[in-house]
Amino acid sequence: MIVVVGRVRTTPDQRDELLDVARTMCAASRGDDGCLGYRFSEDTERPDHFVFLEEWADDAALQAHFAQPHTATFMRSIALLLDGPADVSFHEIASTRRLGPHGLTDA
């Protein structure tokens, strides 16, 4: 699995437009083959700071997502709304464990 974490900051006057662009991207991306999850949220301690969290089945699915027209539209649109550079990291997940009532368990 590939997990993508993107952190962005906008200005108060561009916040609503960023929300619209992000919602559109999330909805479109959830329909991409291999998308296990795609969401964003605002940092409750820092207004106008947002985190995108994407989960992809594998790198092939992620690369196919990058080739989608909605991804290109998103990249062009969000670039105009940011107050500073985006911070995006890609994580390759080899295994996952969950916290159960008695500690960590295999997923």
PDB file of N, CA and C in Angstrom:
ATOM      1  N   MET A   1       0.839  -1.173   0.000  1.00  0.00           N
ATOM      2  CA  MET A   1       0.000   0.000   0.000  1.00  0.00           C
ATOM      3  C   MET A   1       0.885   1.236   0.000  1.00  0.00           C
ATOM      4  N   ILE A   2       0.423   2.269  -0.678  1.00  0.00           N
ATOM      5  CA  ILE A   2       1.095   3.568  -0.688  1.00  0.00           C
ATOM      6  C   ILE A   2       0.192   4.567   0.041  1.00  0.00           C
ATOM      7  N   VAL A   3       0.750   5.274   0.993  1.00  0.00           N
ATOM      8  CA  VAL A   3       0.028   6.336   1.696  1.00  0.00           C
ATOM      9  C   VAL A   3       0.699   7.654   1.345  1.00  0.00           C
ATOM     10  N   VAL A   4      -0.105   8.601   0.893  1.00  0.00           N
ATOM     11  CA  VAL A   4       0.386   9.932   0.547  1.00  0.00           C
ATOM     12  C   VAL A   4      -0.162  10.916   1.573  1.00  0.00           C
ATOM     13  N   VAL A   5       0.714  11.705   2.157  1.00  0.00           N
ATOM     14  CA  VAL A   5       0.317  12.742   3.103  1.00  0.00           C
ATOM     15  C   VAL A   5       0.753  14.079   2.516  1.00  0.00           C
ATOM     16  N   GLY A   6      -0.219  14.943   2.284  1.00  0.00           N
ATOM     17  CA  GLY A   6       0.063  16.267   1.752  1.00  0.00           C
ATOM     18  C   GLY A   6      -0.411  17.337   2.722  1.00  0.00           C
ATOM     19  N   ARG A   7       0.472  18.254   3.033  1.00  0.00           N
ATOM     20  CA  ARG A   7       0.140  19.361   3.940  1.00  0.00           C
ATOM     21  C   ARG A   7       0.223  20.664   3.159  1.00  0.00           C
ATOM     22  N   VAL A   8      -0.835  21.466   3.268  1.00  0.00           N
ATOM     23  CA  VAL A   8      -0.880  22.740   2.552  1.00  0.00           C
ATOM     24  C   VAL A   8      -1.422  23.826   3.469  1.00  0.00           C
ATOM     25  N   ARG A   9      -1.099  25.057   3.100  1.00  0.00           N
ATOM     26  CA  ARG A   9      -1.586  26.227   3.833  1.00  0.00           C
ATOM     27  C   ARG A   9      -2.149  27.201   2.806  1.00  0.00           C
ATOM     28  N   THR A  10      -3.258  27.827   3.166  1.00  0.00           N
ATOM     29  CA  THR A  10      -3.857  28.838   2.308  1.00  0.00           C
ATOM     30  C   THR A  10      -4.063  30.110   3.116  1.00  0.00           C
ATOM     31  N   THR A  11      -4.661  31.095   2.510  1.00  0.00           N
ATOM     32  CA  THR A  11      -4.967  32.343   3.214  1.00  0.00           C
ATOM     33  C   THR A  11      -6.464  32.355   3.541  1.00  0.00           C
ATOM     34  N   PRO A  12      -6.863  33.121   4.543  1.00  0.00           N
ATOM     35  CA  PRO A  12      -8.281  33.154   4.901  1.00  0.00           C
ATOM     36  C   PRO A  12      -9.198  33.519   3.730  1.00  0.00           C
ATOM     37  N   ASP A  13      -8.756  34.422   2.867  1.00  0.00           N
ATOM     38  CA  ASP A  13      -9.618  34.826   1.755  1.00  0.00           C
ATOM     39  C   ASP A  13      -9.692  33.782   0.645  1.00  0.00           C
ATOM     40  N   GLN A  14      -8.804  32.796   0.646  1.00  0.00           N
ATOM     41  CA  GLN A  14      -8.843  31.738  -0.370  1.00  0.00           C
ATOM     42  C   GLN A  14      -9.298  30.391   0.199  1.00  0.00           C
ATOM     43  N   ARG A  15      -9.611  30.365   1.478  1.00  0.00           N
ATOM     44  CA  ARG A  15      -9.991  29.129   2.162  1.00  0.00           C
ATOM     45  C   ARG A  15     -11.185  28.445   1.504  1.00  0.00           C
ATOM     46  N   ASP A  16     -12.258  29.179   1.241  1.00  0.00           N
ATOM     47  CA  ASP A  16     -13.461  28.567   0.672  1.00  0.00           C
ATOM     48  C   ASP A  16     -13.193  27.971  -0.705  1.00  0.00           C
ATOM     49  N   GLU A  17     -12.384  28.639  -1.512  1.00  0.00           N
ATOM     50  CA  GLU A  17     -12.063  28.109  -2.829  1.00  0.00           C
ATOM     51  C   GLU A  17     -11.217  26.844  -2.703  1.00  0.00           C
ATOM     52  N   LEU A  18     -10.273  26.835  -1.758  1.00  0.00           N
ATOM     53  CA  LEU A  18      -9.482  25.634  -1.539  1.00  0.00           C
ATOM     54  C   LEU A  18     -10.384  24.483  -1.104  1.00  0.00           C
ATOM     55  N   LEU A  19     -11.350  24.744  -0.241  1.00  0.00           N
ATOM     56  CA  LEU A  19     -12.290  23.697   0.179  1.00  0.00           C
ATOM     57  C   LEU A  19     -13.032  23.109  -1.017  1.00  0.00           C
ATOM     58  N   ASP A  20     -13.493  23.963  -1.922  1.00  0.00           N
ATOM     59  CA  ASP A  20     -14.205  23.486  -3.113  1.00  0.00           C
ATOM     60  C   ASP A  20     -13.295  22.627  -3.992  1.00  0.00           C
ATOM     61  N   VAL A  21     -12.079  23.094  -4.232  1.00  0.00           N
ATOM     62  CA  VAL A  21     -11.119  22.362  -5.064  1.00  0.00           C
ATOM     63  C   VAL A  21     -10.792  21.012  -4.410  1.00  0.00           C
ATOM     64  N   ALA A  22     -10.590  20.995  -3.103  1.00  0.00           N
ATOM     65  CA  ALA A  22     -10.246  19.764  -2.390  1.00  0.00           C
ATOM     66  C   ALA A  22     -11.411  18.772  -2.410  1.00  0.00           C
ATOM     67  N   ARG A  23     -12.615  19.250  -2.184  1.00  0.00           N
ATOM     68  CA  ARG A  23     -13.782  18.354  -2.202  1.00  0.00           C
ATOM     69  C   ARG A  23     -13.963  17.723  -3.574  1.00  0.00           C
ATOM     70  N   THR A  24     -13.778  18.516  -4.615  1.00  0.00           N
ATOM     71  CA  THR A  24     -13.899  17.998  -5.978  1.00  0.00           C
ATOM     72  C   THR A  24     -12.846  16.932  -6.235  1.00  0.00           C
ATOM     73  N   MET A  25     -11.621  17.194  -5.826  1.00  0.00           N
ATOM     74  CA  MET A  25     -10.532  16.233  -6.026  1.00  0.00           C
ATOM     75  C   MET A  25     -10.785  14.944  -5.260  1.00  0.00           C
ATOM     76  N   CYS A  26     -11.197  15.054  -4.020  1.00  0.00           N
ATOM     77  CA  CYS A  26     -11.448  13.858  -3.213  1.00  0.00           C
ATOM     78  C   CYS A  26     -12.532  12.991  -3.849  1.00  0.00           C
ATOM     79  N   ALA A  27     -13.628  13.595  -4.245  1.00  0.00           N
ATOM     80  CA  ALA A  27     -14.731  12.840  -4.847  1.00  0.00           C
ATOM     81  C   ALA A  27     -14.293  12.148  -6.132  1.00  0.00           C
ATOM     82  N   ALA A  28     -13.556  12.853  -6.976  1.00  0.00           N
ATOM     83  CA  ALA A  28     -13.095  12.260  -8.240  1.00  0.00           C
ATOM     84  C   ALA A  28     -12.076  11.149  -7.985  1.00  0.00           C
ATOM     85  N   SER A  29     -11.169  11.358  -7.062  1.00  0.00           N
ATOM     86  CA  SER A  29     -10.099  10.390  -6.813  1.00  0.00           C
ATOM     87  C   SER A  29     -10.621   9.108  -6.192  1.00  0.00           C
ATOM     88  N   ARG A  30     -11.657   9.199  -5.379  1.00  0.00           N
ATOM     89  CA  ARG A  30     -12.219   7.995  -4.763  1.00  0.00           C
ATOM     90  C   ARG A  30     -12.744   7.019  -5.813  1.00  0.00           C
ATOM     91  N   GLY A  31     -13.028   7.518  -7.006  1.00  0.00           N
ATOM     92  CA  GLY A  31     -13.477   6.663  -8.088  1.00  0.00           C
ATOM     93  C   GLY A  31     -12.348   6.040  -8.886  1.00  0.00           C
ATOM     94  N   ASP A  32     -11.111   6.431  -8.639  1.00  0.00           N
ATOM     95  CA  ASP A  32      -9.964   5.875  -9.358  1.00  0.00           C
ATOM     96  C   ASP A  32      -9.709   4.432  -8.919  1.00  0.00           C
ATOM     97  N   ASP A  33      -9.364   3.589  -9.884  1.00  0.00           N
ATOM     98  CA  ASP A  33      -8.999   2.207  -9.560  1.00  0.00           C
ATOM     99  C   ASP A  33      -7.833   2.199  -8.582  1.00  0.00           C
ATOM    100  N   GLY A  34      -7.947   1.379  -7.559  1.00  0.00           N
ATOM    101  CA  GLY A  34      -6.866   1.240  -6.589  1.00  0.00           C
ATOM    102  C   GLY A  34      -6.873   2.259  -5.480  1.00  0.00           C
ATOM    103  N   CYS A  35      -7.842   3.179  -5.478  1.00  0.00           N
ATOM    104  CA  CYS A  35      -7.933   4.163  -4.389  1.00  0.00           C
ATOM    105  C   CYS A  35      -8.636   3.509  -3.205  1.00  0.00           C
ATOM    106  N   LEU A  36      -7.937   3.407  -2.098  1.00  0.00           N
ATOM    107  CA  LEU A  36      -8.498   2.822  -0.879  1.00  0.00           C
ATOM    108  C   LEU A  36      -9.055   3.886   0.057  1.00  0.00           C
ATOM    109  N   GLY A  37      -8.665   5.131  -0.154  1.00  0.00           N
ATOM    110  CA  GLY A  37      -9.145   6.236   0.658  1.00  0.00           C
ATOM    111  C   GLY A  37      -8.533   7.539   0.190  1.00  0.00           C
ATOM    112  N   TYR A  38      -9.327   8.600   0.249  1.00  0.00           N
ATOM    113  CA  TYR A  38      -8.833   9.919  -0.172  1.00  0.00           C
ATOM    114  C   TYR A  38      -9.657  10.950   0.576  1.00  0.00           C
ATOM    115  N   ARG A  39      -9.034  11.678   1.469  1.00  0.00           N
ATOM    116  CA  ARG A  39      -9.760  12.667   2.267  1.00  0.00           C
ATOM    117  C   ARG A  39      -8.823  13.811   2.658  1.00  0.00           C
ATOM    118  N   PHE A  40      -9.426  14.870   3.148  1.00  0.00           N
ATOM    119  CA  PHE A  40      -8.640  15.996   3.646  1.00  0.00           C
ATOM    120  C   PHE A  40      -9.330  16.535   4.881  1.00  0.00           C
ATOM    121  N   SER A  41      -8.551  17.211   5.705  1.00  0.00           N
ATOM    122  CA  SER A  41      -9.109  17.819   6.913  1.00  0.00           C
ATOM    123  C   SER A  41      -8.302  19.060   7.252  1.00  0.00           C
ATOM    124  N   GLU A  42      -8.932  19.916   8.040  1.00  0.00           N
ATOM    125  CA  GLU A  42      -8.259  21.133   8.480  1.00  0.00           C
ATOM    126  C   GLU A  42      -7.649  20.902   9.853  1.00  0.00           C
ATOM    127  N   ASP A  43      -6.463  21.407  10.054  1.00  0.00           N
ATOM    128  CA  ASP A  43      -5.791  21.327  11.346  1.00  0.00           C
ATOM    129  C   ASP A  43      -6.576  22.190  12.336  1.00  0.00           C
ATOM    130  N   THR A  44      -7.101  21.589  13.384  1.00  0.00           N
ATOM    131  CA  THR A  44      -7.932  22.330  14.339  1.00  0.00           C
ATOM    132  C   THR A  44      -7.135  23.312  15.187  1.00  0.00           C
ATOM    133  N   GLU A  45      -5.817  23.183  15.174  1.00  0.00           N
ATOM    134  CA  GLU A  45      -4.989  24.100  15.948  1.00  0.00           C
ATOM    135  C   GLU A  45      -4.384  25.210  15.105  1.00  0.00           C
ATOM    136  N   ARG A  46      -4.471  25.068  13.775  1.00  0.00           N
ATOM    137  CA  ARG A  46      -3.887  26.063  12.882  1.00  0.00           C
ATOM    138  C   ARG A  46      -4.867  26.334  11.738  1.00  0.00           C
ATOM    139  N   PRO A  47      -5.663  27.369  11.856  1.00  0.00           N
ATOM    140  CA  PRO A  47      -6.609  27.674  10.786  1.00  0.00           C
ATOM    141  C   PRO A  47      -5.902  27.828   9.438  1.00  0.00           C
ATOM    142  N   ASP A  48      -6.594  27.409   8.406  1.00  0.00           N
ATOM    143  CA  ASP A  48      -6.117  27.523   7.017  1.00  0.00           C
ATOM    144  C   ASP A  48      -4.971  26.574   6.693  1.00  0.00           C
ATOM    145  N   HIS A  49      -4.694  25.610   7.557  1.00  0.00           N
ATOM    146  CA  HIS A  49      -3.727  24.536   7.303  1.00  0.00           C
ATOM    147  C   HIS A  49      -4.525  23.245   7.095  1.00  0.00           C
ATOM    148  N   PHE A  50      -4.228  22.537   6.019  1.00  0.00           N
ATOM    149  CA  PHE A  50      -4.983  21.340   5.665  1.00  0.00           C
ATOM    150  C   PHE A  50      -4.050  20.158   5.452  1.00  0.00           C
ATOM    151  N   VAL A  51      -4.584  18.963   5.674  1.00  0.00           N
ATOM    152  CA  VAL A  51      -3.849  17.724   5.446  1.00  0.00           C
ATOM    153  C   VAL A  51      -4.679  16.838   4.520  1.00  0.00           C
ATOM    154  N   PHE A  52      -4.059  16.388   3.444  1.00  0.00           N
ATOM    155  CA  PHE A  52      -4.663  15.407   2.547  1.00  0.00           C
ATOM    156  C   PHE A  52      -4.072  14.044   2.910  1.00  0.00           C
ATOM    157  N   LEU A  53      -4.915  13.033   2.961  1.00  0.00           N
ATOM    158  CA  LEU A  53      -4.465  11.679   3.244  1.00  0.00           C
ATOM    159  C   LEU A  53      -5.029  10.759   2.171  1.00  0.00           C
ATOM    160  N   GLU A  54      -4.119  10.156   1.407  1.00  0.00           N
ATOM    161  CA  GLU A  54      -4.502   9.260   0.319  1.00  0.00           C
ATOM    162  C   GLU A  54      -3.964   7.867   0.611  1.00  0.00           C
ATOM    163  N   GLU A  55      -4.756   6.854   0.282  1.00  0.00           N
ATOM    164  CA  GLU A  55      -4.329   5.467   0.421  1.00  0.00           C
ATOM    165  C   GLU A  55      -4.540   4.769  -0.919  1.00  0.00           C
ATOM    166  N   TRP A  56      -3.467   4.180  -1.443  1.00  0.00           N
ATOM    167  CA  TRP A  56      -3.494   3.531  -2.755  1.00  0.00           C
ATOM    168  C   TRP A  56      -3.077   2.077  -2.625  1.00  0.00           C
ATOM    169  N   ALA A  57      -3.693   1.219  -3.411  1.00  0.00           N
ATOM    170  CA  ALA A  57      -3.405  -0.212  -3.356  1.00  0.00           C
ATOM    171  C   ALA A  57      -1.940  -0.494  -3.659  1.00  0.00           C
ATOM    172  N   ASP A  58      -1.384   0.235  -4.626  1.00  0.00           N
ATOM    173  CA  ASP A  58       0.011   0.022  -5.014  1.00  0.00           C
ATOM    174  C   ASP A  58       0.484   1.212  -5.846  1.00  0.00           C
ATOM    175  N   ASP A  59       1.751   1.180  -6.218  1.00  0.00           N
ATOM    176  CA  ASP A  59       2.326   2.290  -6.967  1.00  0.00           C
ATOM    177  C   ASP A  59       1.696   2.430  -8.348  1.00  0.00           C
ATOM    178  N   ALA A  60       1.301   1.318  -8.963  1.00  0.00           N
ATOM    179  CA  ALA A  60       0.656   1.389 -10.279  1.00  0.00           C
ATOM    180  C   ALA A  60      -0.647   2.185 -10.201  1.00  0.00           C
ATOM    181  N   ALA A  61      -1.415   1.969  -9.143  1.00  0.00           N
ATOM    182  CA  ALA A  61      -2.657   2.722  -8.958  1.00  0.00           C
ATOM    183  C   ALA A  61      -2.371   4.205  -8.745  1.00  0.00           C
ATOM    184  N   LEU A  62      -1.341   4.504  -7.975  1.00  0.00           N
ATOM    185  CA  LEU A  62      -0.969   5.898  -7.727  1.00  0.00           C
ATOM    186  C   LEU A  62      -0.519   6.571  -9.023  1.00  0.00           C
ATOM    187  N   GLN A  63       0.300   5.881  -9.803  1.00  0.00           N
ATOM    188  CA  GLN A  63       0.770   6.459 -11.068  1.00  0.00           C
ATOM    189  C   GLN A  63      -0.385   6.677 -12.042  1.00  0.00           C
ATOM    190  N   ALA A  64      -1.346   5.754 -12.079  1.00  0.00           N
ATOM    191  CA  ALA A  64      -2.528   5.921 -12.930  1.00  0.00           C
ATOM    192  C   ALA A  64      -3.347   7.129 -12.469  1.00  0.00           C
ATOM    193  N   HIS A  65      -3.417   7.330 -11.167  1.00  0.00           N
ATOM    194  CA  HIS A  65      -4.118   8.497 -10.609  1.00  0.00           C
ATOM    195  C   HIS A  65      -3.450   9.791 -11.072  1.00  0.00           C
ATOM    196  N   PHE A  66      -2.112   9.820 -11.063  1.00  0.00           N
ATOM    197  CA  PHE A  66      -1.396  11.007 -11.515  1.00  0.00           C
ATOM    198  C   PHE A  66      -1.677  11.327 -12.983  1.00  0.00           C
ATOM    199  N   ALA A  67      -2.041  10.327 -13.766  1.00  0.00           N
ATOM    200  CA  ALA A  67      -2.308  10.521 -15.196  1.00  0.00           C
ATOM    201  C   ALA A  67      -3.746  10.950 -15.484  1.00  0.00           C
ATOM    202  N   GLN A  68      -4.585  10.996 -14.471  1.00  0.00           N
ATOM    203  CA  GLN A  68      -5.993  11.362 -14.663  1.00  0.00           C
ATOM    204  C   GLN A  68      -6.149  12.869 -14.910  1.00  0.00           C
ATOM    205  N   PRO A  69      -7.091  13.250 -15.764  1.00  0.00           N
ATOM    206  CA  PRO A  69      -7.342  14.678 -15.995  1.00  0.00           C
ATOM    207  C   PRO A  69      -7.712  15.441 -14.720  1.00  0.00           C
ATOM    208  N   HIS A  70      -8.474  14.810 -13.811  1.00  0.00           N
ATOM    209  CA  HIS A  70      -8.852  15.530 -12.585  1.00  0.00           C
ATOM    210  C   HIS A  70      -7.642  15.833 -11.706  1.00  0.00           C
ATOM    211  N   THR A  71      -6.602  15.012 -11.787  1.00  0.00           N
ATOM    212  CA  THR A  71      -5.389  15.295 -11.019  1.00  0.00           C
ATOM    213  C   THR A  71      -4.662  16.506 -11.586  1.00  0.00           C
ATOM    214  N   ALA A  72      -4.570  16.584 -12.907  1.00  0.00           N
ATOM    215  CA  ALA A  72      -3.923  17.743 -13.536  1.00  0.00           C
ATOM    216  C   ALA A  72      -4.691  19.023 -13.227  1.00  0.00           C
ATOM    217  N   THR A  73      -6.006  18.960 -13.292  1.00  0.00           N
ATOM    218  CA  THR A  73      -6.842  20.135 -12.970  1.00  0.00           C
ATOM    219  C   THR A  73      -6.617  20.558 -11.527  1.00  0.00           C
ATOM    220  N   PHE A  74      -6.600  19.588 -10.615  1.00  0.00           N
ATOM    221  CA  PHE A  74      -6.371  19.880  -9.201  1.00  0.00           C
ATOM    222  C   PHE A  74      -5.015  20.553  -8.984  1.00  0.00           C
ATOM    223  N   MET A  75      -3.971  20.011  -9.597  1.00  0.00           N
ATOM    224  CA  MET A  75      -2.629  20.562  -9.401  1.00  0.00           C
ATOM    225  C   MET A  75      -2.546  22.011  -9.885  1.00  0.00           C
ATOM    226  N   ARG A  76      -3.166  22.297 -11.005  1.00  0.00           N
ATOM    227  CA  ARG A  76      -3.177  23.682 -11.511  1.00  0.00           C
ATOM    228  C   ARG A  76      -3.975  24.590 -10.572  1.00  0.00           C
ATOM    229  N   SER A  77      -5.125  24.120 -10.134  1.00  0.00           N
ATOM    230  CA  SER A  77      -6.014  24.941  -9.304  1.00  0.00           C
ATOM    231  C   SER A  77      -5.441  25.213  -7.928  1.00  0.00           C
ATOM    232  N   ILE A  78      -4.941  24.170  -7.280  1.00  0.00           N
ATOM    233  CA  ILE A  78      -4.486  24.352  -5.899  1.00  0.00           C
ATOM    234  C   ILE A  78      -3.211  25.194  -5.835  1.00  0.00           C
ATOM    235  N   ALA A  79      -2.399  25.139  -6.866  1.00  0.00           N
ATOM    236  CA  ALA A  79      -1.162  25.931  -6.876  1.00  0.00           C
ATOM    237  C   ALA A  79      -1.446  27.417  -6.721  1.00  0.00           C
ATOM    238  N   LEU A  80      -2.597  27.860  -7.204  1.00  0.00           N
ATOM    239  CA  LEU A  80      -2.968  29.277  -7.118  1.00  0.00           C
ATOM    240  C   LEU A  80      -3.526  29.656  -5.752  1.00  0.00           C
ATOM    241  N   LEU A  81      -3.802  28.655  -4.913  1.00  0.00           N
ATOM    242  CA  LEU A  81      -4.477  28.902  -3.634  1.00  0.00           C
ATOM    243  C   LEU A  81      -3.572  28.721  -2.423  1.00  0.00           C
ATOM    244  N   LEU A  82      -2.333  28.331  -2.650  1.00  0.00           N
ATOM    245  CA  LEU A  82      -1.449  28.030  -1.528  1.00  0.00           C
ATOM    246  C   LEU A  82      -0.675  29.248  -1.052  1.00  0.00           C
ATOM    247  N   ASP A  83      -0.468  29.288   0.238  1.00  0.00           N
ATOM    248  CA  ASP A  83       0.345  30.316   0.874  1.00  0.00           C
ATOM    249  C   ASP A  83       1.633  29.643   1.339  1.00  0.00           C
ATOM    250  N   GLY A  84       2.507  29.359   0.383  1.00  0.00           N
ATOM    251  CA  GLY A  84       3.743  28.635   0.660  1.00  0.00           C
ATOM    252  C   GLY A  84       3.725  27.297  -0.048  1.00  0.00           C
ATOM    253  N   PRO A  85       4.855  26.611  -0.028  1.00  0.00           N
ATOM    254  CA  PRO A  85       4.950  25.337  -0.747  1.00  0.00           C
ATOM    255  C   PRO A  85       4.173  24.224  -0.039  1.00  0.00           C
ATOM    256  N   ALA A  86       3.688  23.284  -0.828  1.00  0.00           N
ATOM    257  CA  ALA A  86       3.062  22.083  -0.272  1.00  0.00           C
ATOM    258  C   ALA A  86       4.156  21.168   0.261  1.00  0.00           C
ATOM    259  N   ASP A  87       3.826  20.388   1.275  1.00  0.00           N
ATOM    260  CA  ASP A  87       4.724  19.378   1.825  1.00  0.00           C
ATOM    261  C   ASP A  87       4.048  18.028   1.593  1.00  0.00           C
ATOM    262  N   VAL A  88       4.581  17.255   0.648  1.00  0.00           N
ATOM    263  CA  VAL A  88       3.960  15.978   0.273  1.00  0.00           C
ATOM    264  C   VAL A  88       4.968  14.860   0.469  1.00  0.00           C
ATOM    265  N   SER A  89       4.526  13.800   1.156  1.00  0.00           N
ATOM    266  CA  SER A  89       5.394  12.642   1.363  1.00  0.00           C
ATOM    267  C   SER A  89       4.651  11.369   0.971  1.00  0.00           C
ATOM    268  N   PHE A  90       5.430  10.398   0.501  1.00  0.00           N
ATOM    269  CA  PHE A  90       4.906   9.114   0.039  1.00  0.00           C
ATOM    270  C   PHE A  90       5.467   8.026   0.939  1.00  0.00           C
ATOM    271  N   HIS A  91       4.598   7.174   1.450  1.00  0.00           N
ATOM    272  CA  HIS A  91       4.996   6.120   2.374  1.00  0.00           C
ATOM    273  C   HIS A  91       4.589   4.766   1.807  1.00  0.00           C
ATOM    274  N   GLU A  92       5.545   3.857   1.709  1.00  0.00           N
ATOM    275  CA  GLU A  92       5.255   2.490   1.293  1.00  0.00           C
ATOM    276  C   GLU A  92       5.027   1.666   2.554  1.00  0.00           C
ATOM    277  N   ILE A  93       3.835   1.112   2.675  1.00  0.00           N
ATOM    278  CA  ILE A  93       3.449   0.368   3.867  1.00  0.00           C
ATOM    279  C   ILE A  93       3.602  -1.131   3.609  1.00  0.00           C
ATOM    280  N   ALA A  94       4.444  -1.778   4.379  1.00  0.00           N
ATOM    281  CA  ALA A  94       4.674  -3.213   4.208  1.00  0.00           C
ATOM    282  C   ALA A  94       3.685  -4.049   5.013  1.00  0.00           C
ATOM    283  N   SER A  95       3.263  -3.538   6.158  1.00  0.00           N
ATOM    284  CA  SER A  95       2.297  -4.259   6.987  1.00  0.00           C
ATOM    285  C   SER A  95       1.567  -3.258   7.866  1.00  0.00           C
ATOM    286  N   THR A  96       0.465  -3.713   8.421  1.00  0.00           N
ATOM    287  CA  THR A  96      -0.362  -2.862   9.266  1.00  0.00           C
ATOM    288  C   THR A  96      -0.807  -3.659  10.484  1.00  0.00           C
ATOM    289  N   ARG A  97      -0.790  -3.020  11.626  1.00  0.00           N
ATOM    290  CA  ARG A  97      -1.338  -3.611  12.847  1.00  0.00           C
ATOM    291  C   ARG A  97      -2.367  -2.648  13.407  1.00  0.00           C
ATOM    292  N   ARG A  98      -3.356  -3.172  14.055  1.00  0.00           N
ATOM    293  CA  ARG A  98      -4.407  -2.347  14.651  1.00  0.00           C
ATOM    294  C   ARG A  98      -4.348  -2.449  16.178  1.00  0.00           C
ATOM    295  N   LEU A  99      -4.841  -1.421  16.807  1.00  0.00           N
ATOM    296  CA  LEU A  99      -4.943  -1.425  18.254  1.00  0.00           C
ATOM    297  C   LEU A  99      -6.298  -1.992  18.627  1.00  0.00           C
ATOM    298  N   GLY A 100      -6.283  -3.122  19.292  1.00  0.00           N
ATOM    299  CA  GLY A 100      -7.509  -3.758  19.759  1.00  0.00           C
ATOM    300  C   GLY A 100      -7.668  -3.525  21.249  1.00  0.00           C
ATOM    301  N   PRO A 101      -8.680  -4.129  21.836  1.00  0.00           N
ATOM    302  CA  PRO A 101      -8.922  -3.909  23.266  1.00  0.00           C
ATOM    303  C   PRO A 101      -7.801  -4.428  24.157  1.00  0.00           C
ATOM    304  N   HIS A 102      -6.974  -5.323  23.620  1.00  0.00           N
ATOM    305  CA  HIS A 102      -5.901  -5.905  24.434  1.00  0.00           C
ATOM    306  C   HIS A 102      -4.522  -5.614  23.857  1.00  0.00           C
ATOM    307  N   GLY A 103      -4.403  -4.553  23.048  1.00  0.00           N
ATOM    308  CA  GLY A 103      -3.117  -4.185  22.493  1.00  0.00           C
ATOM    309  C   GLY A 103      -3.103  -4.295  20.984  1.00  0.00           C
ATOM    310  N   LEU A 104      -1.919  -4.350  20.417  1.00  0.00           N
ATOM    311  CA  LEU A 104      -1.764  -4.397  18.959  1.00  0.00           C
ATOM    312  C   LEU A 104      -2.103  -5.766  18.413  1.00  0.00           C
ATOM    313  N   THR A 105      -2.780  -5.775  17.263  1.00  0.00           N
ATOM    314  CA  THR A 105      -3.116  -7.024  16.591  1.00  0.00           C
ATOM    315  C   THR A 105      -2.759  -6.883  15.110  1.00  0.00           C
ATOM    316  N   ASP A 106      -2.597  -7.993  14.425  1.00  0.00           N
ATOM    317  CA  ASP A 106      -2.389  -7.948  12.981  1.00  0.00           C
ATOM    318  C   ASP A 106      -3.686  -7.535  12.305  1.00  0.00           C
ATOM    319  N   ALA A 107      -3.547  -6.755  11.221  1.00  0.00           N
ATOM    320  CA  ALA A 107      -4.755  -6.273  10.512  1.00  0.00           C
ATOM    321  C   ALA A 107      -5.368  -7.379   9.697  1.00  0.00           C
TER     322      ALA A 107
END
